[in-house]
Amino acid sequence: VTDGMVLASSDRAQEGRIERDRPYVREGRRAPYVHVDYSTATALQRAVDFSAPVIGSRRQPTVILVARADLRYLYDLMAERAGLGTTGHMFLVNRFHSFVSSSLGSGQDGGRPVFSEGVKRVLAGESGTAVYQNHERRTVVGAYRPIPQIGIALIAETDADEAFAPIYRFRIGLVVLLVVVCVVAGLIGIRLAWGISRPITGLVRAAMAIGDGDLGQRVMV
């Protein structure tokens, strides 16, 4: 692109078009620029534009190189649930609180407003994990991270019940183990107490008999 006109393109139909009003042309004159194109009709058609100026001998941009990457590979990646269990899912949101996803978005522009504590934090530039109510009012464990280079954010969520299920099972197992240990320890204690108290009881009885004049008492120790 030079002066807003496409000089050469891998898609010959684009050659000769005027693109001077596009953000990747306006911003790409000064420095490398990354832009997510939200002007297309559906989320599946959205793309990431990369542009950078080629500086000439007079230290002025002579042309602007522009590359466009399809976002569908991100959608395919997010559709996989590996490591997220049966209730887990990942999605992208933009700064307008809209889904950048074909599976979760709806409406004329392929996105709908989404509000939750995780979305609020990630759009504020935070990264981390938290337990919160998502846009469907379900309690989830969420991990979030902004991608400021392209103006979107990535969020992964799993239902809290499923996420904490291993902890619950471990807790139940630990309680059962403690009960078994206590019962076994109690039985052992009773057996030891009986083994110790029996000879002592015999000595007491013998001492009482001797005190009564029965000198023939014998005690097995």
C-alpha atoms as a PDB file:
ATOM      1  CA  VAL A   1       0.000   0.000   0.000  1.00  0.00           C
ATOM      2  CA  THR A   2       1.255   3.485  -0.822  1.00  0.00           C
ATOM      3  CA  ASP A   3      -0.754   6.687  -0.421  1.00  0.00           C
ATOM      4  CA  GLY A   4      -3.712   4.466   0.446  1.00  0.00           C
ATOM      5  CA  MET A   5      -3.745   2.518  -2.839  1.00  0.00           C
ATOM      6  CA  VAL A   6      -3.082  -1.211  -2.915  1.00  0.00           C
ATOM      7  CA  LEU A   7      -0.179  -1.693  -5.341  1.00  0.00           C
ATOM      8  CA  ALA A   8       0.249  -5.451  -5.024  1.00  0.00           C
ATOM      9  CA  SER A   9      -1.618  -8.157  -3.196  1.00  0.00           C
ATOM     10  CA  SER A  10      -1.764 -11.946  -2.958  1.00  0.00           C
ATOM     11  CA  ASP A  11      -5.449 -11.410  -3.707  1.00  0.00           C
ATOM     12  CA  ARG A  12      -5.395  -9.744  -7.137  1.00  0.00           C
ATOM     13  CA  ALA A  13      -8.941  -8.464  -6.623  1.00  0.00           C
ATOM     14  CA  GLN A  14      -7.614  -6.102  -3.947  1.00  0.00           C
ATOM     15  CA  GLU A  15      -5.096  -4.372  -6.234  1.00  0.00           C
ATOM     16  CA  GLY A  16      -5.997  -0.799  -7.081  1.00  0.00           C
ATOM     17  CA  ARG A  17      -8.372  -0.378  -4.153  1.00  0.00           C
ATOM     18  CA  ILE A  18      -8.140   2.769  -2.020  1.00  0.00           C
ATOM     19  CA  GLU A  19      -7.550   1.919   1.640  1.00  0.00           C
ATOM     20  CA  ARG A  20      -6.284   5.239   2.997  1.00  0.00           C
ATOM     21  CA  ASP A  21      -9.045   5.436   5.619  1.00  0.00           C
ATOM     22  CA  ARG A  22      -8.261   2.043   7.074  1.00  0.00           C
ATOM     23  CA  PRO A  23      -6.656   2.088  10.549  1.00  0.00           C
ATOM     24  CA  TYR A  24      -3.797  -0.147   9.445  1.00  0.00           C
ATOM     25  CA  VAL A  25      -2.899   2.444   6.770  1.00  0.00           C
ATOM     26  CA  ARG A  26      -3.288   5.533   8.944  1.00  0.00           C
ATOM     27  CA  GLU A  27      -1.360   4.077  11.861  1.00  0.00           C
ATOM     28  CA  GLY A  28       0.998   1.977   9.769  1.00  0.00           C
ATOM     29  CA  ARG A  29       2.591   5.099   8.285  1.00  0.00           C
ATOM     30  CA  ARG A  30       4.270   5.896  11.606  1.00  0.00           C
ATOM     31  CA  ALA A  31       5.079   2.533  13.203  1.00  0.00           C
ATOM     32  CA  PRO A  32       4.183  -1.150  13.169  1.00  0.00           C
ATOM     33  CA  TYR A  33       0.496  -1.534  13.970  1.00  0.00           C
ATOM     34  CA  VAL A  34      -1.867  -4.374  14.858  1.00  0.00           C
ATOM     35  CA  HIS A  35      -5.625  -4.047  14.409  1.00  0.00           C
ATOM     36  CA  VAL A  36      -8.621  -6.358  14.715  1.00  0.00           C
ATOM     37  CA  ASP A  37     -11.101  -5.737  11.909  1.00  0.00           C
ATOM     38  CA  TYR A  38     -14.626  -5.638  13.390  1.00  0.00           C
ATOM     39  CA  SER A  39     -16.220  -4.260  10.235  1.00  0.00           C
ATOM     40  CA  THR A  40     -17.041  -7.674   8.768  1.00  0.00           C
ATOM     41  CA  ALA A  41     -20.456  -9.200   9.149  1.00  0.00           C
ATOM     42  CA  THR A  42     -19.754 -12.206  11.321  1.00  0.00           C
ATOM     43  CA  ALA A  43     -17.202 -13.290  13.882  1.00  0.00           C
ATOM     44  CA  LEU A  44     -15.934 -16.034  11.588  1.00  0.00           C
ATOM     45  CA  GLN A  45     -14.893 -13.421   9.030  1.00  0.00           C
ATOM     46  CA  ARG A  46     -12.967 -11.246  11.461  1.00  0.00           C
ATOM     47  CA  ALA A  47      -9.259 -10.881  10.948  1.00  0.00           C
ATOM     48  CA  VAL A  48      -6.165  -9.356  12.519  1.00  0.00           C
ATOM     49  CA  ASP A  49      -4.366  -6.792  10.377  1.00  0.00           C
ATOM     50  CA  PHE A  50      -0.626  -6.224  10.737  1.00  0.00           C
ATOM     51  CA  SER A  51       1.007  -3.226   9.071  1.00  0.00           C
ATOM     52  CA  ALA A  52       4.463  -1.659   9.084  1.00  0.00           C
ATOM     53  CA  PRO A  53       6.081   1.152   7.070  1.00  0.00           C
ATOM     54  CA  VAL A  54       9.031   0.638   4.734  1.00  0.00           C
ATOM     55  CA  ILE A  55      11.311   3.636   5.286  1.00  0.00           C
ATOM     56  CA  GLY A  56      13.059   5.098   2.243  1.00  0.00           C
ATOM     57  CA  SER A  57      16.342   6.982   1.837  1.00  0.00           C
ATOM     58  CA  ARG A  58      14.783  10.231   3.068  1.00  0.00           C
ATOM     59  CA  ARG A  59      13.560   8.481   6.205  1.00  0.00           C
ATOM     60  CA  GLN A  60      10.012   8.724   4.967  1.00  0.00           C
ATOM     61  CA  PRO A  61       7.670   5.751   4.433  1.00  0.00           C
ATOM     62  CA  THR A  62       7.619   4.744   0.799  1.00  0.00           C
ATOM     63  CA  VAL A  63       5.145   1.885   1.097  1.00  0.00           C
ATOM     64  CA  ILE A  64       3.215   0.137   3.866  1.00  0.00           C
ATOM     65  CA  LEU A  65       3.314  -3.621   4.165  1.00  0.00           C
ATOM     66  CA  VAL A  66       0.021  -5.111   5.336  1.00  0.00           C
ATOM     67  CA  ALA A  67      -0.700  -8.697   6.326  1.00  0.00           C
ATOM     68  CA  ARG A  68      -4.051 -10.129   7.373  1.00  0.00           C
ATOM     69  CA  ALA A  69      -4.476 -13.210   9.552  1.00  0.00           C
ATOM     70  CA  ASP A  70      -7.753 -15.073   9.820  1.00  0.00           C
ATOM     71  CA  LEU A  71      -9.068 -15.474  13.392  1.00  0.00           C
ATOM     72  CA  ARG A  72     -10.725 -18.802  12.647  1.00  0.00           C
ATOM     73  CA  TYR A  73      -7.693 -20.721  13.910  1.00  0.00           C
ATOM     74  CA  LEU A  74      -8.329 -19.145  17.324  1.00  0.00           C
ATOM     75  CA  TYR A  75     -11.956 -20.264  17.231  1.00  0.00           C
ATOM     76  CA  ASP A  76     -10.902 -23.817  16.375  1.00  0.00           C
ATOM     77  CA  LEU A  77      -8.434 -23.762  19.271  1.00  0.00           C
ATOM     78  CA  MET A  78     -11.032 -22.448  21.714  1.00  0.00           C
ATOM     79  CA  ALA A  79     -13.554 -25.068  20.619  1.00  0.00           C
ATOM     80  CA  GLU A  80     -11.340 -27.760  22.130  1.00  0.00           C
ATOM     81  CA  ARG A  81     -12.048 -28.558  25.783  1.00  0.00           C
ATOM     82  CA  ALA A  82      -8.725 -30.204  26.629  1.00  0.00           C
ATOM     83  CA  GLY A  83      -8.064 -29.696  30.314  1.00  0.00           C
ATOM     84  CA  LEU A  84     -11.338 -27.794  30.869  1.00  0.00           C
ATOM     85  CA  GLY A  85     -13.610 -30.720  31.727  1.00  0.00           C
ATOM     86  CA  THR A  86     -17.188 -31.032  30.506  1.00  0.00           C
ATOM     87  CA  THR A  87     -18.353 -27.530  31.486  1.00  0.00           C
ATOM     88  CA  GLY A  88     -15.251 -25.557  30.521  1.00  0.00           C
ATOM     89  CA  HIS A  89     -14.976 -23.178  27.596  1.00  0.00           C
ATOM     90  CA  MET A  90     -12.763 -20.380  26.304  1.00  0.00           C
ATOM     91  CA  PHE A  91     -13.767 -17.203  24.534  1.00  0.00           C
ATOM     92  CA  LEU A  92     -12.484 -13.831  23.392  1.00  0.00           C
ATOM     93  CA  VAL A  93     -14.015 -10.468  24.261  1.00  0.00           C
ATOM     94  CA  ASN A  94     -13.235  -7.066  22.831  1.00  0.00           C
ATOM     95  CA  ARG A  95     -13.119  -3.669  24.490  1.00  0.00           C
ATOM     96  CA  PHE A  96     -16.812  -3.193  23.689  1.00  0.00           C
ATOM     97  CA  HIS A  97     -17.751  -6.099  25.995  1.00  0.00           C
ATOM     98  CA  SER A  98     -18.729  -8.219  22.990  1.00  0.00           C
ATOM     99  CA  PHE A  99     -17.832 -11.808  22.205  1.00  0.00           C
ATOM    100  CA  VAL A 100     -15.294 -12.219  19.430  1.00  0.00           C
ATOM    101  CA  SER A 101     -16.467 -15.754  18.829  1.00  0.00           C
ATOM    102  CA  SER A 102     -18.825 -17.524  16.474  1.00  0.00           C
ATOM    103  CA  SER A 103     -19.882 -20.095  19.073  1.00  0.00           C
ATOM    104  CA  LEU A 104     -20.847 -17.636  21.812  1.00  0.00           C
ATOM    105  CA  GLY A 105     -21.690 -14.520  19.849  1.00  0.00           C
ATOM    106  CA  SER A 106     -25.034 -13.595  18.404  1.00  0.00           C
ATOM    107  CA  GLY A 107     -26.676 -10.590  16.849  1.00  0.00           C
ATOM    108  CA  GLN A 108     -26.085  -8.519  13.751  1.00  0.00           C
ATOM    109  CA  ASP A 109     -22.341  -8.130  14.225  1.00  0.00           C
ATOM    110  CA  GLY A 110     -21.726 -11.637  15.525  1.00  0.00           C
ATOM    111  CA  GLY A 111     -21.227 -10.462  19.106  1.00  0.00           C
ATOM    112  CA  ARG A 112     -23.354  -9.612  22.104  1.00  0.00           C
ATOM    113  CA  PRO A 113     -22.522  -7.649  25.257  1.00  0.00           C
ATOM    114  CA  VAL A 114     -21.095  -9.770  28.051  1.00  0.00           C
ATOM    115  CA  PHE A 115     -20.588  -8.625  31.633  1.00  0.00           C
ATOM    116  CA  SER A 116     -18.990 -10.463  34.545  1.00  0.00           C
ATOM    117  CA  GLU A 117     -16.313  -9.888  37.136  1.00  0.00           C
ATOM    118  CA  GLY A 118     -13.783 -11.752  34.974  1.00  0.00           C
ATOM    119  CA  VAL A 119     -14.574  -9.635  31.912  1.00  0.00           C
ATOM    120  CA  LYS A 120     -14.421  -6.458  33.977  1.00  0.00           C
ATOM    121  CA  ARG A 121     -10.986  -7.340  35.340  1.00  0.00           C
ATOM    122  CA  VAL A 122      -9.439  -8.465  32.068  1.00  0.00           C
ATOM    123  CA  LEU A 123     -10.662  -5.395  30.166  1.00  0.00           C
ATOM    124  CA  ALA A 124      -9.066  -3.316  32.918  1.00  0.00           C
ATOM    125  CA  GLY A 125      -5.739  -4.912  31.973  1.00  0.00           C
ATOM    126  CA  GLU A 126      -5.548  -7.510  34.750  1.00  0.00           C
ATOM    127  CA  SER A 127      -4.368 -11.101  34.418  1.00  0.00           C
ATOM    128  CA  GLY A 128      -5.151 -13.839  36.906  1.00  0.00           C
ATOM    129  CA  THR A 129      -7.723 -16.295  38.210  1.00  0.00           C
ATOM    130  CA  ALA A 130     -10.841 -15.843  40.326  1.00  0.00           C
ATOM    131  CA  VAL A 131     -14.131 -17.383  41.382  1.00  0.00           C
ATOM    132  CA  TYR A 132     -17.091 -15.312  40.209  1.00  0.00           C
ATOM    133  CA  GLN A 133     -20.491 -15.394  38.546  1.00  0.00           C
ATOM    134  CA  ASN A 134     -20.178 -15.393  34.779  1.00  0.00           C
ATOM    135  CA  HIS A 135     -22.481 -13.774  32.224  1.00  0.00           C
ATOM    136  CA  GLU A 136     -24.883 -16.716  32.600  1.00  0.00           C
ATOM    137  CA  ARG A 137     -25.015 -16.200  36.393  1.00  0.00           C
ATOM    138  CA  ARG A 138     -23.215 -19.467  37.047  1.00  0.00           C
ATOM    139  CA  THR A 139     -20.454 -19.639  39.628  1.00  0.00           C
ATOM    140  CA  VAL A 140     -17.261 -20.432  37.744  1.00  0.00           C
ATOM    141  CA  VAL A 141     -13.528 -20.577  38.188  1.00  0.00           C
ATOM    142  CA  GLY A 142     -12.096 -18.280  35.549  1.00  0.00           C
ATOM    143  CA  ALA A 143      -8.639 -17.487  34.210  1.00  0.00           C
ATOM    144  CA  TYR A 144      -8.206 -14.355  32.136  1.00  0.00           C
ATOM    145  CA  ARG A 145      -5.475 -12.516  30.261  1.00  0.00           C
ATOM    146  CA  PRO A 146      -5.585  -9.420  28.053  1.00  0.00           C
ATOM    147  CA  ILE A 147      -4.022  -9.372  24.587  1.00  0.00           C
ATOM    148  CA  PRO A 148      -3.423  -5.628  24.239  1.00  0.00           C
ATOM    149  CA  GLN A 149      -1.593  -5.948  20.924  1.00  0.00           C
ATOM    150  CA  ILE A 150      -4.867  -6.765  19.160  1.00  0.00           C
ATOM    151  CA  GLY A 151      -7.317  -5.192  21.596  1.00  0.00           C
ATOM    152  CA  ILE A 152      -9.016  -8.364  22.806  1.00  0.00           C
ATOM    153  CA  ALA A 153      -8.877 -10.556  25.901  1.00  0.00           C
ATOM    154  CA  LEU A 154      -8.901 -14.316  26.454  1.00  0.00           C
ATOM    155  CA  ILE A 155     -11.022 -15.906  29.192  1.00  0.00           C
ATOM    156  CA  ALA A 156     -11.315 -19.575  30.188  1.00  0.00           C
ATOM    157  CA  GLU A 157     -14.063 -20.677  32.562  1.00  0.00           C
ATOM    158  CA  THR A 158     -15.153 -23.921  34.253  1.00  0.00           C
ATOM    159  CA  ASP A 159     -18.089 -24.469  36.600  1.00  0.00           C
ATOM    160  CA  ALA A 160     -16.932 -24.168  40.204  1.00  0.00           C
ATOM    161  CA  ASP A 161     -18.563 -27.488  41.158  1.00  0.00           C
ATOM    162  CA  GLU A 162     -16.558 -29.327  38.515  1.00  0.00           C
ATOM    163  CA  ALA A 163     -13.366 -27.399  39.198  1.00  0.00           C
ATOM    164  CA  PHE A 164     -13.506 -28.107  42.938  1.00  0.00           C
ATOM    165  CA  ALA A 165     -14.811 -31.690  42.623  1.00  0.00           C
ATOM    166  CA  PRO A 166     -11.329 -33.239  43.157  1.00  0.00           C
ATOM    167  CA  ILE A 167     -10.933 -31.159  46.321  1.00  0.00           C
ATOM    168  CA  TYR A 168     -14.365 -32.266  47.563  1.00  0.00           C
ATOM    169  CA  ARG A 169     -13.523 -35.919  46.861  1.00  0.00           C
ATOM    170  CA  PHE A 170     -10.183 -35.546  48.635  1.00  0.00           C
ATOM    171  CA  ARG A 171     -11.923 -33.956  51.616  1.00  0.00           C
ATOM    172  CA  ILE A 172     -14.458 -36.789  51.855  1.00  0.00           C
ATOM    173  CA  GLY A 173     -11.702 -39.376  51.525  1.00  0.00           C
ATOM    174  CA  LEU A 174      -9.683 -37.645  54.239  1.00  0.00           C
ATOM    175  CA  VAL A 175     -12.679 -37.599  56.607  1.00  0.00           C
ATOM    176  CA  VAL A 176     -13.338 -41.309  55.993  1.00  0.00           C
ATOM    177  CA  LEU A 177      -9.666 -42.092  56.604  1.00  0.00           C
ATOM    178  CA  LEU A 178      -9.683 -40.116  59.854  1.00  0.00           C
ATOM    179  CA  VAL A 179     -12.807 -41.960  61.031  1.00  0.00           C
ATOM    180  CA  VAL A 180     -11.233 -45.344  60.247  1.00  0.00           C
ATOM    181  CA  VAL A 181      -8.009 -44.367  62.026  1.00  0.00           C
ATOM    182  CA  CYS A 182      -9.957 -43.178  65.088  1.00  0.00           C
ATOM    183  CA  VAL A 183     -11.988 -46.402  65.224  1.00  0.00           C
ATOM    184  CA  VAL A 184      -8.883 -48.580  64.878  1.00  0.00           C
ATOM    185  CA  ALA A 185      -7.018 -46.486  67.456  1.00  0.00           C
ATOM    186  CA  GLY A 186      -9.990 -46.806  69.837  1.00  0.00           C
ATOM    187  CA  LEU A 187     -10.116 -50.590  69.460  1.00  0.00           C
ATOM    188  CA  ILE A 188      -6.368 -50.859  70.028  1.00  0.00           C
ATOM    189  CA  GLY A 189      -6.653 -48.619  73.094  1.00  0.00           C
ATOM    190  CA  ILE A 190      -9.459 -50.748  74.545  1.00  0.00           C
ATOM    191  CA  ARG A 191      -7.436 -53.927  73.962  1.00  0.00           C
ATOM    192  CA  LEU A 192      -4.341 -52.445  75.612  1.00  0.00           C
ATOM    193  CA  ALA A 193      -6.360 -51.102  78.557  1.00  0.00           C
ATOM    194  CA  TRP A 194      -7.989 -54.503  79.071  1.00  0.00           C
ATOM    195  CA  GLY A 195      -4.605 -56.259  78.875  1.00  0.00           C
ATOM    196  CA  ILE A 196      -3.121 -53.916  81.489  1.00  0.00           C
ATOM    197  CA  SER A 197      -6.106 -53.740  83.850  1.00  0.00           C
ATOM    198  CA  ARG A 198      -6.720 -57.509  84.027  1.00  0.00           C
ATOM    199  CA  PRO A 199      -3.485 -58.387  85.977  1.00  0.00           C
ATOM    200  CA  ILE A 200      -3.970 -55.356  88.211  1.00  0.00           C
ATOM    201  CA  THR A 201      -7.521 -56.466  88.994  1.00  0.00           C
ATOM    202  CA  GLY A 202      -6.182 -59.922  89.873  1.00  0.00           C
ATOM    203  CA  LEU A 203      -3.595 -58.423  92.233  1.00  0.00           C
ATOM    204  CA  VAL A 204      -6.266 -56.355  93.957  1.00  0.00           C
ATOM    205  CA  ARG A 205      -8.485 -59.360  94.503  1.00  0.00           C
ATOM    206  CA  ALA A 206      -5.582 -61.416  95.834  1.00  0.00           C
ATOM    207  CA  ALA A 207      -4.548 -58.632  98.201  1.00  0.00           C
ATOM    208  CA  MET A 208      -8.091 -58.382  99.520  1.00  0.00           C
ATOM    209  CA  ALA A 209      -8.236 -62.168 100.046  1.00  0.00           C
ATOM    210  CA  ILE A 210      -4.913 -62.197 101.906  1.00  0.00           C
ATOM    211  CA  GLY A 211      -6.172 -59.361 104.022  1.00  0.00           C
ATOM    212  CA  ASP A 212      -9.125 -61.553 104.937  1.00  0.00           C
ATOM    213  CA  GLY A 213      -6.728 -64.298 106.085  1.00  0.00           C
ATOM    214  CA  ASP A 214      -6.631 -66.440 102.952  1.00  0.00           C
ATOM    215  CA  LEU A 215      -2.882 -66.969 102.740  1.00  0.00           C
ATOM    216  CA  GLY A 216      -3.184 -69.529  99.974  1.00  0.00           C
ATOM    217  CA  GLN A 217      -3.861 -66.986  97.258  1.00  0.00           C
ATOM    218  CA  ARG A 218      -1.613 -67.137  94.204  1.00  0.00           C
ATOM    219  CA  VAL A 219      -1.333 -64.494  91.545  1.00  0.00           C
ATOM    220  CA  MET A 220      -0.034 -65.121  88.008  1.00  0.00           C
ATOM    221  CA  VAL A 221       2.071 -62.199  86.805  1.00  0.00           C
END
